[in-house]
Amino acid sequence: MRNFKDKNGRVWEVDVTTKTLLAIKDKLGFDLLDDPEALPTSFSSLVDILWVVCFEQCNACGMDEEAFAGCLDGDSLANAIDCFMEELGSFFTLLQGGRGKAHTALWRASKKVDDLESKVVETVLGLLSSGSQDAAESTPCP
């Protein structure tokens, strides 16, 4: 089980179990138990999944779905998605070793690509703000 903090510092536990995956299927229609590749990639759908994952915790503190989403800024949402993806990979590693390991490896590789893209964007923005065309021509791509 992993956890993340929302923008207010509240800790949320992310525990992917068969019950969790069946609840996601029942409430959202994503059958991640039988078809993990059905995982949506839109942030709004991932927030919906996190709501289902954290539903019992939200219910215990009287928080509705809108309030839960309001506690997720960009940083906490990224951490929450990361927790969920790692937990999903762990679930399938225990159930189907190769599939779970592949899921986890793909998730971690996609994060590295995101990090690389961020560095490229930072470099381009830095070059644009400096106004130097010479710097752009002499700077190698990462």
N, C-alpha and C. Protein backbone atom coordinates (compact mmCIF):
# COMPACT_ATOMS: atom_id res chain seq x y z
N MET A 1 0.85 -1.18 0.00
CA MET A 1 0.00 0.00 0.00
C MET A 1 0.89 1.24 0.00
N ARG A 2 0.54 2.16 -0.84
CA ARG A 2 1.27 3.42 -0.94
C ARG A 2 0.35 4.56 -0.52
N ASN A 3 0.93 5.72 -0.32
CA ASN A 3 0.09 6.88 0.02
C ASN A 3 0.65 8.14 -0.63
N PHE A 4 -0.22 9.13 -0.68
CA PHE A 4 0.15 10.44 -1.21
C PHE A 4 -0.50 11.49 -0.33
N LYS A 5 0.01 12.71 -0.43
CA LYS A 5 -0.56 13.83 0.31
C LYS A 5 -1.28 14.75 -0.66
N ASP A 6 -2.45 15.24 -0.23
CA ASP A 6 -3.14 16.22 -1.05
C ASP A 6 -2.54 17.60 -0.78
N LYS A 7 -3.07 18.62 -1.43
CA LYS A 7 -2.48 19.96 -1.31
C LYS A 7 -2.58 20.52 0.10
N ASN A 8 -3.46 19.93 0.93
CA ASN A 8 -3.62 20.37 2.31
C ASN A 8 -2.81 19.55 3.30
N GLY A 9 -2.04 18.59 2.79
CA GLY A 9 -1.20 17.76 3.65
C GLY A 9 -1.89 16.52 4.18
N ARG A 10 -3.15 16.29 3.82
CA ARG A 10 -3.86 15.09 4.25
C ARG A 10 -3.28 13.89 3.51
N VAL A 11 -3.06 12.80 4.24
CA VAL A 11 -2.49 11.60 3.66
C VAL A 11 -3.61 10.66 3.22
N TRP A 12 -3.50 10.19 1.98
CA TRP A 12 -4.47 9.25 1.41
C TRP A 12 -3.77 7.95 1.09
N GLU A 13 -4.38 6.84 1.47
CA GLU A 13 -3.82 5.53 1.19
C GLU A 13 -4.36 5.01 -0.13
N VAL A 14 -3.47 4.45 -0.93
CA VAL A 14 -3.84 3.86 -2.21
C VAL A 14 -3.55 2.37 -2.10
N ASP A 15 -4.62 1.59 -2.06
CA ASP A 15 -4.50 0.14 -1.92
C ASP A 15 -5.32 -0.50 -3.04
N VAL A 16 -4.63 -1.10 -4.00
CA VAL A 16 -5.32 -1.75 -5.11
C VAL A 16 -5.54 -3.21 -4.75
N THR A 17 -6.80 -3.55 -4.63
CA THR A 17 -7.20 -4.93 -4.34
C THR A 17 -8.23 -5.35 -5.39
N THR A 18 -8.62 -6.59 -5.34
CA THR A 18 -9.68 -7.05 -6.23
C THR A 18 -10.95 -6.24 -5.99
N LYS A 19 -11.25 -5.96 -4.72
CA LYS A 19 -12.43 -5.16 -4.38
C LYS A 19 -12.34 -3.78 -5.04
N THR A 20 -11.18 -3.17 -4.98
CA THR A 20 -10.98 -1.85 -5.58
C THR A 20 -11.21 -1.89 -7.09
N LEU A 21 -10.63 -2.88 -7.74
CA LEU A 21 -10.75 -2.98 -9.20
C LEU A 21 -12.19 -3.28 -9.62
N LEU A 22 -12.90 -4.09 -8.83
CA LEU A 22 -14.30 -4.36 -9.12
C LEU A 22 -15.16 -3.11 -8.92
N ALA A 23 -14.82 -2.30 -7.91
CA ALA A 23 -15.55 -1.05 -7.67
C ALA A 23 -15.32 -0.08 -8.82
N ILE A 24 -14.10 -0.02 -9.34
CA ILE A 24 -13.79 0.84 -10.49
C ILE A 24 -14.62 0.39 -11.70
N LYS A 25 -14.70 -0.92 -11.90
CA LYS A 25 -15.49 -1.45 -13.01
C LYS A 25 -16.97 -1.11 -12.82
N ASP A 26 -17.47 -1.32 -11.62
CA ASP A 26 -18.89 -1.09 -11.33
C ASP A 26 -19.27 0.38 -11.47
N LYS A 27 -18.45 1.26 -10.92
CA LYS A 27 -18.79 2.69 -10.88
C LYS A 27 -18.40 3.45 -12.14
N LEU A 28 -17.31 3.01 -12.79
CA LEU A 28 -16.79 3.79 -13.92
C LEU A 28 -16.77 3.05 -15.25
N GLY A 29 -16.90 1.73 -15.19
CA GLY A 29 -16.91 0.94 -16.42
C GLY A 29 -15.53 0.53 -16.94
N PHE A 30 -14.47 0.85 -16.22
CA PHE A 30 -13.12 0.44 -16.63
C PHE A 30 -12.81 -0.91 -15.98
N ASP A 31 -12.74 -1.97 -16.79
CA ASP A 31 -12.49 -3.31 -16.27
C ASP A 31 -10.99 -3.58 -16.19
N LEU A 32 -10.37 -3.02 -15.18
CA LEU A 32 -8.91 -3.13 -15.05
C LEU A 32 -8.48 -4.51 -14.55
N LEU A 33 -9.39 -5.26 -13.95
CA LEU A 33 -9.04 -6.59 -13.46
C LEU A 33 -8.82 -7.55 -14.63
N ASP A 34 -9.73 -7.56 -15.57
CA ASP A 34 -9.61 -8.48 -16.71
C ASP A 34 -8.88 -7.85 -17.89
N ASP A 35 -8.84 -6.54 -17.93
CA ASP A 35 -8.20 -5.85 -19.05
C ASP A 35 -7.46 -4.61 -18.55
N PRO A 36 -6.28 -4.80 -17.92
CA PRO A 36 -5.54 -3.65 -17.38
C PRO A 36 -5.17 -2.61 -18.44
N GLU A 37 -5.14 -3.03 -19.70
CA GLU A 37 -4.83 -2.08 -20.76
C GLU A 37 -5.99 -1.11 -20.99
N ALA A 38 -7.14 -1.37 -20.36
CA ALA A 38 -8.30 -0.47 -20.48
C ALA A 38 -8.14 0.78 -19.61
N LEU A 39 -7.01 0.89 -18.96
CA LEU A 39 -6.76 2.05 -18.10
C LEU A 39 -6.82 3.33 -18.92
N PRO A 40 -7.68 4.26 -18.52
CA PRO A 40 -7.77 5.52 -19.27
C PRO A 40 -6.53 6.37 -19.05
N THR A 41 -6.29 7.28 -19.97
CA THR A 41 -5.13 8.15 -19.84
C THR A 41 -5.51 9.60 -19.55
N SER A 42 -6.80 9.91 -19.60
CA SER A 42 -7.19 11.29 -19.32
C SER A 42 -7.11 11.56 -17.83
N PHE A 43 -6.70 12.77 -17.50
CA PHE A 43 -6.58 13.13 -16.09
C PHE A 43 -7.93 13.09 -15.39
N SER A 44 -8.99 13.51 -16.05
CA SER A 44 -10.30 13.50 -15.40
C SER A 44 -10.73 12.08 -15.06
N SER A 45 -10.46 11.12 -15.95
CA SER A 45 -10.80 9.73 -15.66
C SER A 45 -9.93 9.18 -14.53
N LEU A 46 -8.67 9.59 -14.49
CA LEU A 46 -7.79 9.14 -13.41
C LEU A 46 -8.23 9.73 -12.07
N VAL A 47 -8.73 10.96 -12.06
CA VAL A 47 -9.28 11.53 -10.83
C VAL A 47 -10.49 10.72 -10.38
N ASP A 48 -11.34 10.34 -11.35
CA ASP A 48 -12.49 9.50 -11.01
C ASP A 48 -12.05 8.17 -10.40
N ILE A 49 -11.01 7.58 -10.95
CA ILE A 49 -10.49 6.32 -10.40
C ILE A 49 -9.96 6.54 -8.99
N LEU A 50 -9.23 7.62 -8.78
CA LEU A 50 -8.71 7.91 -7.44
C LEU A 50 -9.84 8.11 -6.44
N TRP A 51 -10.91 8.73 -6.90
CA TRP A 51 -12.08 8.92 -6.03
C TRP A 51 -12.61 7.56 -5.57
N VAL A 52 -12.72 6.62 -6.50
CA VAL A 52 -13.20 5.28 -6.14
C VAL A 52 -12.21 4.61 -5.19
N VAL A 53 -10.92 4.73 -5.49
CA VAL A 53 -9.88 4.13 -4.64
C VAL A 53 -9.94 4.70 -3.22
N CYS A 54 -10.17 5.99 -3.11
CA CYS A 54 -10.16 6.66 -1.80
C CYS A 54 -11.56 6.86 -1.22
N PHE A 55 -12.57 6.28 -1.84
CA PHE A 55 -13.96 6.53 -1.45
C PHE A 55 -14.22 6.29 0.03
N GLU A 56 -13.79 5.15 0.55
CA GLU A 56 -14.06 4.84 1.96
C GLU A 56 -13.39 5.85 2.88
N GLN A 57 -12.20 6.30 2.53
CA GLN A 57 -11.51 7.30 3.34
C GLN A 57 -12.26 8.64 3.28
N CYS A 58 -12.73 8.99 2.09
CA CYS A 58 -13.49 10.23 1.92
C CYS A 58 -14.80 10.15 2.71
N ASN A 59 -15.46 9.03 2.60
CA ASN A 59 -16.72 8.83 3.30
C ASN A 59 -16.53 8.95 4.81
N ALA A 60 -15.42 8.42 5.30
CA ALA A 60 -15.15 8.46 6.75
C ALA A 60 -14.97 9.89 7.25
N CYS A 61 -14.48 10.78 6.40
CA CYS A 61 -14.28 12.16 6.84
C CYS A 61 -15.32 13.11 6.26
N GLY A 62 -16.37 12.55 5.65
CA GLY A 62 -17.47 13.38 5.15
C GLY A 62 -17.14 14.20 3.93
N MET A 63 -16.22 13.72 3.12
CA MET A 63 -15.80 14.48 1.93
C MET A 63 -16.49 13.91 0.69
N ASP A 64 -17.07 14.79 -0.12
CA ASP A 64 -17.68 14.33 -1.36
C ASP A 64 -16.66 14.38 -2.49
N GLU A 65 -17.08 13.93 -3.68
CA GLU A 65 -16.18 13.82 -4.81
C GLU A 65 -15.60 15.17 -5.23
N GLU A 66 -16.42 16.20 -5.21
CA GLU A 66 -15.98 17.53 -5.59
C GLU A 66 -14.92 18.06 -4.63
N ALA A 67 -15.14 17.86 -3.33
CA ALA A 67 -14.16 18.30 -2.33
C ALA A 67 -12.85 17.53 -2.47
N PHE A 68 -12.96 16.23 -2.75
CA PHE A 68 -11.76 15.41 -2.95
C PHE A 68 -10.95 15.95 -4.13
N ALA A 69 -11.63 16.19 -5.26
CA ALA A 69 -10.94 16.72 -6.44
C ALA A 69 -10.33 18.09 -6.14
N GLY A 70 -11.00 18.87 -5.31
CA GLY A 70 -10.49 20.19 -4.95
C GLY A 70 -9.21 20.15 -4.14
N CYS A 71 -8.95 19.02 -3.52
CA CYS A 71 -7.72 18.86 -2.73
C CYS A 71 -6.53 18.40 -3.56
N LEU A 72 -6.77 18.15 -4.84
CA LEU A 72 -5.71 17.64 -5.71
C LEU A 72 -5.21 18.74 -6.64
N ASP A 73 -4.09 19.33 -6.27
CA ASP A 73 -3.44 20.26 -7.19
C ASP A 73 -2.54 19.43 -8.13
N GLY A 74 -1.83 20.08 -9.00
CA GLY A 74 -1.02 19.36 -9.98
C GLY A 74 -0.01 18.41 -9.35
N ASP A 75 0.68 18.87 -8.32
CA ASP A 75 1.70 18.05 -7.67
C ASP A 75 1.07 16.84 -6.97
N SER A 76 0.01 17.07 -6.20
CA SER A 76 -0.60 15.96 -5.48
C SER A 76 -1.28 14.99 -6.44
N LEU A 77 -1.85 15.49 -7.53
CA LEU A 77 -2.46 14.60 -8.51
C LEU A 77 -1.39 13.72 -9.17
N ALA A 78 -0.27 14.31 -9.52
CA ALA A 78 0.83 13.53 -10.11
C ALA A 78 1.28 12.44 -9.15
N ASN A 79 1.42 12.79 -7.87
CA ASN A 79 1.83 11.79 -6.87
C ASN A 79 0.77 10.72 -6.67
N ALA A 80 -0.49 11.12 -6.69
CA ALA A 80 -1.59 10.16 -6.51
C ALA A 80 -1.63 9.19 -7.69
N ILE A 81 -1.49 9.70 -8.90
CA ILE A 81 -1.50 8.83 -10.08
C ILE A 81 -0.31 7.88 -10.02
N ASP A 82 0.84 8.40 -9.62
CA ASP A 82 2.02 7.55 -9.50
C ASP A 82 1.78 6.43 -8.49
N CYS A 83 1.20 6.77 -7.35
CA CYS A 83 0.89 5.75 -6.33
C CYS A 83 -0.05 4.68 -6.90
N PHE A 84 -1.08 5.13 -7.59
CA PHE A 84 -2.04 4.18 -8.15
C PHE A 84 -1.37 3.27 -9.18
N MET A 85 -0.59 3.84 -10.07
CA MET A 85 0.06 3.05 -11.11
C MET A 85 1.04 2.04 -10.52
N GLU A 86 1.79 2.46 -9.51
CA GLU A 86 2.72 1.55 -8.85
C GLU A 86 1.96 0.43 -8.13
N GLU A 87 0.85 0.78 -7.48
CA GLU A 87 0.03 -0.22 -6.79
C GLU A 87 -0.59 -1.20 -7.79
N LEU A 88 -1.07 -0.67 -8.90
CA LEU A 88 -1.65 -1.53 -9.93
C LEU A 88 -0.60 -2.50 -10.46
N GLY A 89 0.60 -2.00 -10.69
CA GLY A 89 1.71 -2.86 -11.13
C GLY A 89 2.03 -3.93 -10.10
N SER A 90 2.04 -3.56 -8.82
CA SER A 90 2.31 -4.53 -7.75
C SER A 90 1.22 -5.59 -7.69
N PHE A 91 -0.03 -5.15 -7.84
CA PHE A 91 -1.15 -6.10 -7.82
C PHE A 91 -0.96 -7.16 -8.90
N PHE A 92 -0.66 -6.72 -10.12
CA PHE A 92 -0.51 -7.66 -11.21
C PHE A 92 0.80 -8.43 -11.15
N THR A 93 1.82 -7.89 -10.50
CA THR A 93 3.06 -8.65 -10.32
C THR A 93 2.79 -9.87 -9.45
N LEU A 94 1.97 -9.69 -8.43
CA LEU A 94 1.62 -10.81 -7.57
C LEU A 94 0.68 -11.79 -8.28
N LEU A 95 -0.19 -11.28 -9.12
CA LEU A 95 -1.18 -12.11 -9.81
C LEU A 95 -0.59 -12.76 -11.06
N GLN A 96 0.04 -11.98 -11.89
CA GLN A 96 0.65 -12.43 -13.15
C GLN A 96 2.00 -11.75 -13.27
N GLY A 97 3.02 -12.37 -12.72
CA GLY A 97 4.32 -11.75 -12.60
C GLY A 97 4.79 -10.94 -13.79
N GLY A 98 4.80 -11.54 -14.97
CA GLY A 98 5.32 -10.85 -16.16
C GLY A 98 4.50 -9.62 -16.52
N ARG A 99 3.19 -9.74 -16.47
CA ARG A 99 2.32 -8.62 -16.84
C ARG A 99 2.51 -7.46 -15.86
N GLY A 100 2.57 -7.76 -14.59
CA GLY A 100 2.75 -6.71 -13.58
C GLY A 100 4.09 -6.02 -13.72
N LYS A 101 5.13 -6.80 -13.93
CA LYS A 101 6.46 -6.21 -14.10
C LYS A 101 6.51 -5.34 -15.35
N ALA A 102 5.86 -5.81 -16.42
CA ALA A 102 5.83 -5.03 -17.65
C ALA A 102 5.07 -3.72 -17.44
N HIS A 103 3.94 -3.79 -16.73
CA HIS A 103 3.16 -2.58 -16.44
C HIS A 103 4.01 -1.57 -15.67
N THR A 104 4.68 -2.04 -14.62
CA THR A 104 5.49 -1.16 -13.80
C THR A 104 6.65 -0.58 -14.61
N ALA A 105 7.30 -1.40 -15.40
CA ALA A 105 8.42 -0.93 -16.22
C ALA A 105 7.95 0.12 -17.23
N LEU A 106 6.81 -0.12 -17.86
CA LEU A 106 6.28 0.86 -18.82
C LEU A 106 5.92 2.17 -18.13
N TRP A 107 5.31 2.08 -16.95
CA TRP A 107 4.95 3.30 -16.21
C TRP A 107 6.20 4.10 -15.87
N ARG A 108 7.23 3.42 -15.36
CA ARG A 108 8.45 4.12 -14.97
C ARG A 108 9.15 4.71 -16.20
N ALA A 109 9.12 4.00 -17.32
CA ALA A 109 9.72 4.52 -18.55
C ALA A 109 8.97 5.76 -19.03
N SER A 110 7.64 5.74 -18.92
CA SER A 110 6.87 6.91 -19.36
C SER A 110 7.18 8.12 -18.49
N LYS A 111 7.45 7.89 -17.21
CA LYS A 111 7.82 9.00 -16.33
C LYS A 111 9.17 9.58 -16.73
N LYS A 112 10.10 8.72 -17.16
CA LYS A 112 11.40 9.21 -17.61
C LYS A 112 11.25 10.05 -18.88
N VAL A 113 10.37 9.62 -19.76
CA VAL A 113 10.10 10.41 -20.98
C VAL A 113 9.52 11.76 -20.59
N ASP A 114 8.57 11.77 -19.64
CA ASP A 114 7.99 13.03 -19.19
C ASP A 114 9.06 13.95 -18.61
N ASP A 115 9.98 13.38 -17.82
CA ASP A 115 11.07 14.18 -17.25
C ASP A 115 11.95 14.76 -18.35
N LEU A 116 12.25 13.95 -19.35
CA LEU A 116 13.08 14.42 -20.46
C LEU A 116 12.37 15.53 -21.23
N GLU A 117 11.07 15.35 -21.48
CA GLU A 117 10.30 16.38 -22.18
C GLU A 117 10.31 17.68 -21.38
N SER A 118 10.21 17.59 -20.07
CA SER A 118 10.22 18.78 -19.22
C SER A 118 11.56 19.51 -19.34
N LYS A 119 12.64 18.75 -19.38
CA LYS A 119 13.96 19.36 -19.51
C LYS A 119 14.12 20.05 -20.87
N VAL A 120 13.60 19.44 -21.91
CA VAL A 120 13.66 20.05 -23.23
C VAL A 120 12.86 21.34 -23.25
N VAL A 121 11.66 21.31 -22.67
CA VAL A 121 10.82 22.51 -22.62
C VAL A 121 11.53 23.61 -21.83
N GLU A 122 12.12 23.27 -20.69
CA GLU A 122 12.85 24.26 -19.90
C GLU A 122 13.99 24.87 -20.70
N THR A 123 14.71 24.05 -21.44
CA THR A 123 15.82 24.54 -22.25
C THR A 123 15.32 25.49 -23.32
N VAL A 124 14.24 25.10 -24.00
CA VAL A 124 13.68 25.95 -25.06
C VAL A 124 13.19 27.27 -24.47
N LEU A 125 12.48 27.21 -23.35
CA LEU A 125 11.99 28.44 -22.73
C LEU A 125 13.14 29.33 -22.29
N GLY A 126 14.20 28.74 -21.78
CA GLY A 126 15.37 29.52 -21.39
C GLY A 126 16.00 30.20 -22.59
N LEU A 127 16.08 29.48 -23.69
CA LEU A 127 16.64 30.06 -24.90
C LEU A 127 15.76 31.17 -25.44
N LEU A 128 14.46 30.96 -25.40
CA LEU A 128 13.53 31.98 -25.89
C LEU A 128 13.59 33.24 -25.03
N SER A 129 13.71 33.06 -23.72
CA SER A 129 13.74 34.23 -22.84
C SER A 129 15.05 34.98 -22.95
N SER A 130 16.13 34.27 -23.34
CA SER A 130 17.41 34.96 -23.49
C SER A 130 17.45 35.75 -24.79
N GLY A 131 16.60 35.37 -25.74
CA GLY A 131 16.55 36.08 -27.01
C GLY A 131 17.76 35.82 -27.88
N SER A 132 18.53 34.83 -27.56
CA SER A 132 19.76 34.57 -28.31
C SER A 132 19.55 33.45 -29.32
N GLN A 133 19.59 33.80 -30.59
CA GLN A 133 19.46 32.80 -31.64
C GLN A 133 20.74 31.97 -31.71
N ASP A 134 21.91 32.59 -31.40
CA ASP A 134 23.17 31.86 -31.41
C ASP A 134 23.15 30.73 -30.39
N ALA A 135 22.56 31.00 -29.21
CA ALA A 135 22.50 29.98 -28.18
C ALA A 135 21.66 28.80 -28.64
N ALA A 136 20.58 29.09 -29.35
CA ALA A 136 19.70 28.04 -29.83
C ALA A 136 20.42 27.16 -30.85
N GLU A 137 21.25 27.78 -31.68
CA GLU A 137 21.95 27.03 -32.72
C GLU A 137 23.11 26.22 -32.15
N SER A 138 23.68 26.66 -31.03
CA SER A 138 24.83 25.97 -30.50
C SER A 138 24.51 25.00 -29.37
N THR A 139 23.26 24.96 -28.92
CA THR A 139 22.89 24.08 -27.83
C THR A 139 22.44 22.74 -28.38
N PRO A 140 23.16 21.66 -27.99
CA PRO A 140 22.76 20.34 -28.49
C PRO A 140 21.47 19.87 -27.79
N CYS A 141 20.73 19.07 -28.51
CA CYS A 141 19.51 18.49 -27.92
C CYS A 141 19.91 17.41 -26.93
N PRO A 142 19.17 17.28 -25.84
CA PRO A 142 19.49 16.22 -24.86
C PRO A 142 19.18 14.84 -25.42
